[in-house]
Amino acid sequence: MAPAAAPPHQYLIALGSNVRHARHGAPAQVLRAAARALDDAGLAVRALSPIIASAPLGPSRRRYANACAVITTPLEPAQLLARLQGLEHRFGRVRRGAPWRARTLDLDIVLWSGGALADIHANLVIPHPACRQRPFVMGPAMRIAPDWRDPLTGLATKHLASRLTRRRPAPR
């Protein structure tokens, strides 16, 4: 008898690009192609947020295209990370040099159905350590997974996004 398939996990993946790709085109088209590539790589894309434009972090001057996807896969987090990094490489990403350099494709695991995780061997932390401070992640995440909860704060993505965008009263 064949072994039973591993139960599927759900993941929230952040997608970003700020470099034109020779075959796929401008950053927004790169993200659309990346979503198709995720599906083709056996990572079932259940939802894809609208693509937004955002200002760069760090020294880059190029604006980013950002989105989020909910995927389902039996892969464990470290396995998924390796698959995502393989896709980044296929899209021309080079992982050396400055951490804030321009990139054709960036794929990050933001949340997963398994809760919190710190895997030092895979250099992987879930939830993504900076996700709560990034409107370009939480905004798209809220659109497709508004009730997903950050296992560390207990807050839903819609609440985390609201905290990043709400107006604060001016100091007196």
N, C-alpha and C. Protein backbone atom coordinates (compact mmCIF):
# COMPACT_ATOMS: atom_id res chain seq x y z
N MET A 1 0.85 -1.17 0.00
CA MET A 1 0.00 0.00 0.00
C MET A 1 0.90 1.24 0.00
N ALA A 2 0.54 2.23 -0.81
CA ALA A 2 1.32 3.47 -0.92
C ALA A 2 1.13 4.32 0.33
N PRO A 3 2.19 5.04 0.74
CA PRO A 3 2.04 5.91 1.91
C PRO A 3 1.07 7.04 1.61
N ALA A 4 0.37 7.45 2.64
CA ALA A 4 -0.60 8.54 2.48
C ALA A 4 0.13 9.84 2.19
N ALA A 5 -0.47 10.65 1.34
CA ALA A 5 0.11 11.96 1.02
C ALA A 5 0.07 12.85 2.25
N ALA A 6 1.10 13.69 2.36
CA ALA A 6 1.13 14.63 3.49
C ALA A 6 -0.05 15.59 3.37
N PRO A 7 -0.65 15.96 4.50
CA PRO A 7 -1.76 16.91 4.43
C PRO A 7 -1.26 18.26 3.92
N PRO A 8 -2.08 18.95 3.17
CA PRO A 8 -1.62 20.24 2.63
C PRO A 8 -1.52 21.32 3.69
N HIS A 9 -0.54 22.18 3.49
CA HIS A 9 -0.38 23.38 4.32
C HIS A 9 -0.81 24.56 3.47
N GLN A 10 -1.27 25.61 4.12
CA GLN A 10 -1.54 26.86 3.43
C GLN A 10 -0.47 27.86 3.82
N TYR A 11 -0.05 28.65 2.84
CA TYR A 11 0.98 29.65 3.05
C TYR A 11 0.53 30.97 2.45
N LEU A 12 0.92 32.05 3.10
CA LEU A 12 0.76 33.38 2.54
C LEU A 12 2.14 33.80 2.05
N ILE A 13 2.25 34.06 0.75
CA ILE A 13 3.52 34.39 0.12
C ILE A 13 3.48 35.83 -0.37
N ALA A 14 4.51 36.60 -0.05
CA ALA A 14 4.65 37.96 -0.57
C ALA A 14 5.49 37.89 -1.83
N LEU A 15 5.05 38.61 -2.87
CA LEU A 15 5.76 38.68 -4.14
C LEU A 15 6.18 40.12 -4.38
N GLY A 16 7.39 40.33 -4.86
CA GLY A 16 7.86 41.66 -5.17
C GLY A 16 8.81 41.65 -6.35
N SER A 17 8.83 42.74 -7.09
CA SER A 17 9.74 42.91 -8.22
C SER A 17 9.95 44.39 -8.47
N ASN A 18 11.19 44.77 -8.79
CA ASN A 18 11.43 46.14 -9.23
C ASN A 18 12.42 46.21 -10.38
N VAL A 19 12.55 45.10 -11.10
CA VAL A 19 13.42 45.05 -12.26
C VAL A 19 12.65 44.40 -13.42
N ARG A 20 12.76 45.02 -14.56
CA ARG A 20 12.15 44.47 -15.77
C ARG A 20 12.81 43.14 -16.12
N HIS A 21 12.03 42.19 -16.60
CA HIS A 21 12.53 40.88 -17.02
C HIS A 21 12.50 40.82 -18.54
N ALA A 22 13.54 40.29 -19.14
CA ALA A 22 13.65 40.27 -20.60
C ALA A 22 12.46 39.56 -21.26
N ARG A 23 11.96 38.50 -20.67
CA ARG A 23 10.86 37.74 -21.27
C ARG A 23 9.49 38.17 -20.77
N HIS A 24 9.38 38.49 -19.48
CA HIS A 24 8.07 38.76 -18.90
C HIS A 24 7.69 40.23 -18.89
N GLY A 25 8.67 41.13 -18.96
CA GLY A 25 8.35 42.55 -19.05
C GLY A 25 8.52 43.29 -17.74
N ALA A 26 7.67 44.29 -17.54
CA ALA A 26 7.73 45.18 -16.38
C ALA A 26 7.44 44.41 -15.09
N PRO A 27 7.82 44.98 -13.92
CA PRO A 27 7.63 44.27 -12.65
C PRO A 27 6.23 43.70 -12.41
N ALA A 28 5.18 44.41 -12.76
CA ALA A 28 3.83 43.87 -12.55
C ALA A 28 3.61 42.60 -13.38
N GLN A 29 4.14 42.59 -14.62
CA GLN A 29 4.02 41.38 -15.45
C GLN A 29 4.89 40.25 -14.89
N VAL A 30 6.02 40.61 -14.27
CA VAL A 30 6.86 39.60 -13.63
C VAL A 30 6.07 38.89 -12.53
N LEU A 31 5.31 39.65 -11.74
CA LEU A 31 4.53 39.04 -10.66
C LEU A 31 3.43 38.14 -11.21
N ARG A 32 2.80 38.54 -12.29
CA ARG A 32 1.78 37.67 -12.91
C ARG A 32 2.41 36.38 -13.41
N ALA A 33 3.59 36.49 -14.04
CA ALA A 33 4.30 35.30 -14.51
C ALA A 33 4.74 34.44 -13.34
N ALA A 34 5.16 35.07 -12.25
CA ALA A 34 5.58 34.32 -11.06
C ALA A 34 4.41 33.55 -10.46
N ALA A 35 3.22 34.14 -10.45
CA ALA A 35 2.04 33.43 -9.94
C ALA A 35 1.76 32.19 -10.79
N ARG A 36 1.90 32.31 -12.09
CA ARG A 36 1.74 31.13 -12.97
C ARG A 36 2.83 30.11 -12.69
N ALA A 37 4.06 30.58 -12.46
CA ALA A 37 5.17 29.67 -12.18
C ALA A 37 4.98 28.94 -10.85
N LEU A 38 4.40 29.61 -9.86
CA LEU A 38 4.10 28.95 -8.59
C LEU A 38 3.16 27.77 -8.84
N ASP A 39 2.10 28.03 -9.59
CA ASP A 39 1.13 26.98 -9.93
C ASP A 39 1.82 25.85 -10.70
N ASP A 40 2.64 26.21 -11.68
CA ASP A 40 3.34 25.21 -12.49
C ASP A 40 4.32 24.38 -11.67
N ALA A 41 4.82 24.95 -10.56
CA ALA A 41 5.77 24.26 -9.69
C ALA A 41 5.06 23.38 -8.65
N GLY A 42 3.75 23.19 -8.80
CA GLY A 42 3.01 22.33 -7.89
C GLY A 42 2.55 23.03 -6.62
N LEU A 43 2.63 24.35 -6.60
CA LEU A 43 2.18 25.14 -5.46
C LEU A 43 0.85 25.76 -5.86
N ALA A 44 -0.24 25.15 -5.44
CA ALA A 44 -1.57 25.55 -5.90
C ALA A 44 -1.91 26.95 -5.41
N VAL A 45 -2.00 27.89 -6.35
CA VAL A 45 -2.35 29.27 -6.00
C VAL A 45 -3.86 29.34 -5.81
N ARG A 46 -4.28 29.60 -4.57
CA ARG A 46 -5.70 29.68 -4.23
C ARG A 46 -6.25 31.09 -4.38
N ALA A 47 -5.38 32.09 -4.20
CA ALA A 47 -5.80 33.49 -4.33
C ALA A 47 -4.57 34.33 -4.63
N LEU A 48 -4.76 35.36 -5.45
CA LEU A 48 -3.71 36.32 -5.76
C LEU A 48 -4.29 37.71 -5.56
N SER A 49 -3.61 38.52 -4.77
CA SER A 49 -4.09 39.88 -4.50
C SER A 49 -3.90 40.76 -5.72
N PRO A 50 -4.54 41.91 -5.72
CA PRO A 50 -4.20 42.89 -6.74
C PRO A 50 -2.73 43.30 -6.57
N ILE A 51 -2.11 43.69 -7.66
CA ILE A 51 -0.72 44.15 -7.62
C ILE A 51 -0.72 45.65 -7.32
N ILE A 52 0.12 46.04 -6.37
CA ILE A 52 0.23 47.44 -5.99
C ILE A 52 1.65 47.94 -6.28
N ALA A 53 1.80 49.24 -6.37
CA ALA A 53 3.12 49.86 -6.51
C ALA A 53 3.53 50.40 -5.15
N SER A 54 4.82 50.29 -4.84
CA SER A 54 5.30 50.80 -3.55
C SER A 54 6.69 51.38 -3.70
N ALA A 55 7.02 52.26 -2.77
CA ALA A 55 8.35 52.86 -2.73
C ALA A 55 9.37 51.82 -2.29
N PRO A 56 10.60 51.94 -2.76
CA PRO A 56 11.62 50.97 -2.38
C PRO A 56 12.10 51.16 -0.95
N LEU A 57 12.61 50.09 -0.36
CA LEU A 57 13.31 50.16 0.92
C LEU A 57 14.80 50.22 0.60
N GLY A 58 15.56 50.87 1.44
CA GLY A 58 16.99 50.92 1.23
C GLY A 58 17.39 51.84 0.10
N PRO A 59 18.57 51.62 -0.49
CA PRO A 59 19.12 52.57 -1.45
C PRO A 59 18.54 52.50 -2.86
N SER A 60 17.78 51.47 -3.19
CA SER A 60 17.24 51.35 -4.54
C SER A 60 16.33 52.53 -4.86
N ARG A 61 16.34 52.95 -6.10
CA ARG A 61 15.47 54.05 -6.52
C ARG A 61 14.27 53.56 -7.32
N ARG A 62 14.26 52.30 -7.67
CA ARG A 62 13.18 51.76 -8.49
C ARG A 62 11.98 51.38 -7.64
N ARG A 63 10.79 51.77 -8.08
CA ARG A 63 9.56 51.41 -7.38
C ARG A 63 9.31 49.91 -7.56
N TYR A 64 8.64 49.36 -6.59
CA TYR A 64 8.30 47.93 -6.60
C TYR A 64 6.88 47.69 -7.05
N ALA A 65 6.66 46.52 -7.61
CA ALA A 65 5.34 45.94 -7.78
C ALA A 65 5.26 44.88 -6.68
N ASN A 66 4.17 44.88 -5.91
CA ASN A 66 4.00 43.92 -4.81
C ASN A 66 2.63 43.28 -4.86
N ALA A 67 2.57 42.05 -4.39
CA ALA A 67 1.32 41.32 -4.28
C ALA A 67 1.50 40.23 -3.23
N CYS A 68 0.42 39.54 -2.91
CA CYS A 68 0.47 38.37 -2.04
C CYS A 68 -0.34 37.26 -2.70
N ALA A 69 0.05 36.03 -2.39
CA ALA A 69 -0.67 34.86 -2.87
C ALA A 69 -0.90 33.91 -1.70
N VAL A 70 -2.03 33.24 -1.72
CA VAL A 70 -2.27 32.12 -0.81
C VAL A 70 -2.07 30.87 -1.63
N ILE A 71 -1.18 30.01 -1.15
CA ILE A 71 -0.93 28.75 -1.86
C ILE A 71 -1.17 27.58 -0.92
N THR A 72 -1.42 26.43 -1.53
CA THR A 72 -1.58 25.18 -0.79
C THR A 72 -0.59 24.19 -1.34
N THR A 73 0.11 23.50 -0.43
CA THR A 73 1.11 22.50 -0.83
C THR A 73 1.36 21.56 0.35
N PRO A 74 1.74 20.33 0.07
CA PRO A 74 2.13 19.43 1.17
C PRO A 74 3.56 19.70 1.65
N LEU A 75 4.29 20.58 0.99
CA LEU A 75 5.68 20.86 1.37
C LEU A 75 5.77 21.49 2.75
N GLU A 76 6.79 21.10 3.49
CA GLU A 76 7.10 21.72 4.77
C GLU A 76 7.78 23.06 4.48
N PRO A 77 7.83 23.97 5.46
CA PRO A 77 8.37 25.31 5.21
C PRO A 77 9.76 25.35 4.58
N ALA A 78 10.71 24.57 5.07
CA ALA A 78 12.06 24.60 4.51
C ALA A 78 12.06 24.12 3.06
N GLN A 79 11.24 23.12 2.77
CA GLN A 79 11.12 22.63 1.39
C GLN A 79 10.52 23.69 0.49
N LEU A 80 9.49 24.37 1.00
CA LEU A 80 8.87 25.43 0.22
C LEU A 80 9.85 26.56 -0.02
N LEU A 81 10.61 26.95 1.00
CA LEU A 81 11.60 28.01 0.83
C LEU A 81 12.58 27.66 -0.28
N ALA A 82 13.05 26.43 -0.30
CA ALA A 82 13.98 26.00 -1.36
C ALA A 82 13.31 26.10 -2.74
N ARG A 83 12.05 25.72 -2.82
CA ARG A 83 11.33 25.79 -4.10
C ARG A 83 11.16 27.25 -4.53
N LEU A 84 10.82 28.13 -3.58
CA LEU A 84 10.66 29.56 -3.89
C LEU A 84 11.98 30.17 -4.34
N GLN A 85 13.07 29.82 -3.67
CA GLN A 85 14.38 30.36 -4.07
C GLN A 85 14.79 29.84 -5.44
N GLY A 86 14.40 28.62 -5.78
CA GLY A 86 14.63 28.10 -7.12
C GLY A 86 13.88 28.90 -8.17
N LEU A 87 12.63 29.26 -7.86
CA LEU A 87 11.85 30.10 -8.79
C LEU A 87 12.47 31.48 -8.93
N GLU A 88 12.91 32.07 -7.82
CA GLU A 88 13.58 33.37 -7.89
C GLU A 88 14.79 33.29 -8.81
N HIS A 89 15.57 32.23 -8.66
CA HIS A 89 16.77 32.04 -9.50
C HIS A 89 16.38 31.92 -10.97
N ARG A 90 15.32 31.17 -11.26
CA ARG A 90 14.86 31.03 -12.66
C ARG A 90 14.44 32.38 -13.24
N PHE A 91 13.98 33.29 -12.40
CA PHE A 91 13.59 34.62 -12.85
C PHE A 91 14.76 35.60 -12.84
N GLY A 92 15.95 35.12 -12.56
CA GLY A 92 17.14 35.96 -12.64
C GLY A 92 17.62 36.57 -11.35
N ARG A 93 17.08 36.15 -10.23
CA ARG A 93 17.52 36.71 -8.94
C ARG A 93 18.91 36.20 -8.60
N VAL A 94 19.77 37.10 -8.18
CA VAL A 94 21.11 36.76 -7.73
C VAL A 94 21.18 37.09 -6.25
N ARG A 95 21.54 36.12 -5.42
CA ARG A 95 21.59 36.32 -3.96
C ARG A 95 23.02 36.56 -3.50
N ARG A 96 23.53 37.73 -3.81
CA ARG A 96 24.82 38.13 -3.28
C ARG A 96 24.89 39.65 -3.31
N GLY A 97 25.76 40.18 -2.52
CA GLY A 97 25.87 41.63 -2.49
C GLY A 97 24.94 42.24 -1.47
N ALA A 98 24.58 43.49 -1.70
CA ALA A 98 23.75 44.26 -0.76
C ALA A 98 22.38 43.62 -0.60
N PRO A 99 21.88 43.57 0.65
CA PRO A 99 20.57 42.94 0.88
C PRO A 99 19.41 43.74 0.30
N TRP A 100 19.58 45.02 0.02
CA TRP A 100 18.48 45.85 -0.46
C TRP A 100 18.57 46.11 -1.96
N ARG A 101 19.36 45.33 -2.67
CA ARG A 101 19.54 45.58 -4.10
C ARG A 101 18.27 45.31 -4.90
N ALA A 102 18.21 45.89 -6.08
CA ALA A 102 17.08 45.66 -6.98
C ALA A 102 17.00 44.17 -7.31
N ARG A 103 15.78 43.71 -7.56
CA ARG A 103 15.61 42.29 -7.85
C ARG A 103 14.47 42.05 -8.82
N THR A 104 14.68 41.07 -9.66
CA THR A 104 13.65 40.69 -10.62
C THR A 104 12.46 40.07 -9.91
N LEU A 105 12.74 39.21 -8.92
CA LEU A 105 11.66 38.55 -8.20
C LEU A 105 12.09 38.26 -6.77
N ASP A 106 11.22 38.59 -5.84
CA ASP A 106 11.42 38.28 -4.43
C ASP A 106 10.18 37.56 -3.95
N LEU A 107 10.36 36.37 -3.38
CA LEU A 107 9.25 35.57 -2.86
C LEU A 107 9.54 35.27 -1.39
N ASP A 108 8.66 35.71 -0.50
CA ASP A 108 8.85 35.50 0.94
C ASP A 108 7.66 34.78 1.54
N ILE A 109 7.95 33.83 2.44
CA ILE A 109 6.89 33.19 3.22
C ILE A 109 6.55 34.16 4.35
N VAL A 110 5.31 34.60 4.39
CA VAL A 110 4.86 35.55 5.41
C VAL A 110 4.22 34.81 6.59
N LEU A 111 3.25 33.96 6.30
CA LEU A 111 2.53 33.18 7.31
C LEU A 111 2.29 31.78 6.77
N TRP A 112 1.99 30.86 7.65
CA TRP A 112 1.56 29.53 7.22
C TRP A 112 0.59 28.95 8.22
N SER A 113 -0.11 27.92 7.80
CA SER A 113 -1.16 27.33 8.63
C SER A 113 -0.60 26.60 9.85
N GLY A 114 0.70 26.42 9.93
CA GLY A 114 1.32 25.72 11.05
C GLY A 114 1.71 26.62 12.21
N GLY A 115 1.46 27.93 12.12
CA GLY A 115 1.78 28.83 13.23
C GLY A 115 3.16 29.45 13.12
N ALA A 116 3.83 29.61 14.24
CA ALA A 116 5.16 30.23 14.26
C ALA A 116 6.23 29.16 14.03
N LEU A 117 7.34 29.59 13.43
CA LEU A 117 8.43 28.66 13.14
C LEU A 117 9.75 29.43 13.09
N ALA A 118 10.77 28.85 13.67
CA ALA A 118 12.14 29.38 13.53
C ALA A 118 13.02 28.18 13.19
N ASP A 119 13.52 28.16 11.95
CA ASP A 119 14.35 27.07 11.46
C ASP A 119 15.72 27.65 11.13
N ILE A 120 16.67 27.50 12.06
CA ILE A 120 18.00 28.11 11.85
C ILE A 120 18.76 27.45 10.72
N HIS A 121 18.49 26.18 10.46
CA HIS A 121 19.19 25.47 9.38
C HIS A 121 18.79 25.99 8.00
N ALA A 122 17.52 26.36 7.87
CA ALA A 122 17.03 26.88 6.59
C ALA A 122 17.05 28.40 6.55
N ASN A 123 17.49 29.04 7.64
CA ASN A 123 17.47 30.51 7.73
C ASN A 123 16.06 31.03 7.44
N LEU A 124 15.10 30.48 8.18
CA LEU A 124 13.69 30.77 7.93
C LEU A 124 12.96 31.06 9.25
N VAL A 125 12.25 32.18 9.27
CA VAL A 125 11.42 32.55 10.41
C VAL A 125 10.03 32.89 9.88
N ILE A 126 9.01 32.25 10.47
CA ILE A 126 7.62 32.53 10.13
C ILE A 126 6.89 32.84 11.43
N PRO A 127 6.14 33.93 11.51
CA PRO A 127 5.88 34.92 10.48
C PRO A 127 7.16 35.66 10.08
N HIS A 128 7.14 36.14 8.84
CA HIS A 128 8.28 36.92 8.36
C HIS A 128 8.53 38.05 9.36
N PRO A 129 9.76 38.20 9.83
CA PRO A 129 10.03 39.16 10.92
C PRO A 129 9.63 40.61 10.64
N ALA A 130 9.63 41.04 9.40
CA ALA A 130 9.32 42.45 9.10
C ALA A 130 7.91 42.66 8.57
N CYS A 131 7.12 41.61 8.45
CA CYS A 131 5.81 41.76 7.79
C CYS A 131 4.90 42.76 8.47
N ARG A 132 4.94 42.85 9.78
CA ARG A 132 4.03 43.74 10.51
C ARG A 132 4.31 45.21 10.26
N GLN A 133 5.51 45.55 9.76
CA GLN A 133 5.88 46.94 9.51
C GLN A 133 5.79 47.30 8.03
N ARG A 134 5.31 46.41 7.20
CA ARG A 134 5.33 46.64 5.75
C ARG A 134 3.94 46.72 5.15
N PRO A 135 3.50 47.96 4.84
CA PRO A 135 2.17 48.10 4.22
C PRO A 135 2.08 47.40 2.87
N PHE A 136 3.20 47.28 2.16
CA PHE A 136 3.18 46.63 0.84
C PHE A 136 3.03 45.12 0.96
N VAL A 137 3.11 44.58 2.17
CA VAL A 137 2.81 43.17 2.42
C VAL A 137 1.41 43.05 3.03
N MET A 138 1.16 43.79 4.08
CA MET A 138 -0.12 43.66 4.80
C MET A 138 -1.31 44.15 3.99
N GLY A 139 -1.13 45.18 3.16
CA GLY A 139 -2.23 45.65 2.32
C GLY A 139 -2.72 44.56 1.37
N PRO A 140 -1.82 44.00 0.53
CA PRO A 140 -2.26 42.90 -0.33
C PRO A 140 -2.73 41.67 0.45
N ALA A 141 -2.07 41.35 1.57
CA ALA A 141 -2.48 40.19 2.37
C ALA A 141 -3.91 40.34 2.86
N MET A 142 -4.25 41.55 3.30
CA MET A 142 -5.59 41.82 3.80
C MET A 142 -6.65 41.57 2.72
N ARG A 143 -6.29 41.81 1.47
CA ARG A 143 -7.25 41.65 0.37
C ARG A 143 -7.64 40.19 0.13
N ILE A 144 -6.71 39.26 0.40
CA ILE A 144 -6.99 37.85 0.07
C ILE A 144 -7.06 36.94 1.30
N ALA A 145 -6.55 37.42 2.43
CA ALA A 145 -6.55 36.60 3.65
C ALA A 145 -6.80 37.49 4.87
N PRO A 146 -7.93 38.20 4.90
CA PRO A 146 -8.15 39.20 5.95
C PRO A 146 -8.21 38.62 7.36
N ASP A 147 -8.58 37.37 7.49
CA ASP A 147 -8.75 36.79 8.82
C ASP A 147 -7.59 35.89 9.25
N TRP A 148 -6.56 35.77 8.41
CA TRP A 148 -5.38 35.00 8.83
C TRP A 148 -4.75 35.72 10.00
N ARG A 149 -4.33 34.98 10.99
CA ARG A 149 -3.79 35.57 12.21
C ARG A 149 -2.28 35.39 12.32
N ASP A 150 -1.65 36.44 12.78
CA ASP A 150 -0.24 36.40 13.14
C ASP A 150 -0.18 35.60 14.44
N PRO A 151 0.52 34.46 14.46
CA PRO A 151 0.52 33.63 15.67
C PRO A 151 1.24 34.29 16.85
N LEU A 152 2.04 35.30 16.60
CA LEU A 152 2.77 35.95 17.69
C LEU A 152 1.96 37.07 18.35
N THR A 153 1.20 37.81 17.56
CA THR A 153 0.41 38.91 18.13
C THR A 153 -1.06 38.55 18.30
N GLY A 154 -1.52 37.54 17.59
CA GLY A 154 -2.94 37.18 17.62
C GLY A 154 -3.79 38.05 16.73
N LEU A 155 -3.19 39.05 16.08
CA LEU A 155 -3.94 39.97 15.23
C LEU A 155 -4.12 39.41 13.82
N ALA A 156 -5.29 39.68 13.24
CA ALA A 156 -5.57 39.28 11.86
C ALA A 156 -4.86 40.23 10.91
N THR A 157 -4.62 39.78 9.68
CA THR A 157 -3.94 40.63 8.70
C THR A 157 -4.71 41.93 8.48
N LYS A 158 -6.04 41.88 8.54
CA LYS A 158 -6.81 43.12 8.34
C LYS A 158 -6.52 44.12 9.45
N HIS A 159 -6.27 43.64 10.67
CA HIS A 159 -5.95 44.54 11.78
C HIS A 159 -4.52 45.06 11.67
N LEU A 160 -3.60 44.19 11.26
CA LEU A 160 -2.21 44.63 11.07
C LEU A 160 -2.13 45.67 9.96
N ALA A 161 -2.88 45.47 8.88
CA ALA A 161 -2.89 46.44 7.78
C ALA A 161 -3.49 47.76 8.24
N SER A 162 -4.55 47.69 9.02
CA SER A 162 -5.20 48.91 9.52
C SER A 162 -4.24 49.71 10.40
N ARG A 163 -3.47 49.03 11.21
CA ARG A 163 -2.51 49.72 12.07
C ARG A 163 -1.46 50.47 11.25
N LEU A 164 -1.15 49.96 10.08
CA LEU A 164 -0.13 50.60 9.24
C LEU A 164 -0.66 51.79 8.46
N THR A 165 -1.98 51.84 8.26
CA THR A 165 -2.54 52.88 7.40
C THR A 165 -3.42 53.88 8.13
N ARG A 166 -3.75 53.62 9.38
CA ARG A 166 -4.65 54.55 10.07
C ARG A 166 -3.95 55.89 10.33
N ARG A 167 -4.74 56.91 10.28
CA ARG A 167 -4.22 58.26 10.54
C ARG A 167 -4.07 58.45 12.04
N ARG A 168 -2.98 59.03 12.39
CA ARG A 168 -2.72 59.32 13.80
C ARG A 168 -2.92 60.82 14.03
N PRO A 169 -3.47 61.18 15.17
CA PRO A 169 -3.65 62.60 15.45
C PRO A 169 -2.30 63.31 15.51
N ALA A 170 -2.31 64.56 15.05
CA ALA A 170 -1.07 65.37 15.10
C ALA A 170 -0.74 65.68 16.54
N PRO A 171 0.56 65.72 16.87
CA PRO A 171 0.95 66.05 18.24
C PRO A 171 0.55 67.48 18.56
N ARG A 172 0.20 67.74 19.80
CA ARG A 172 -0.22 69.09 20.22
C ARG A 172 0.91 69.86 20.77
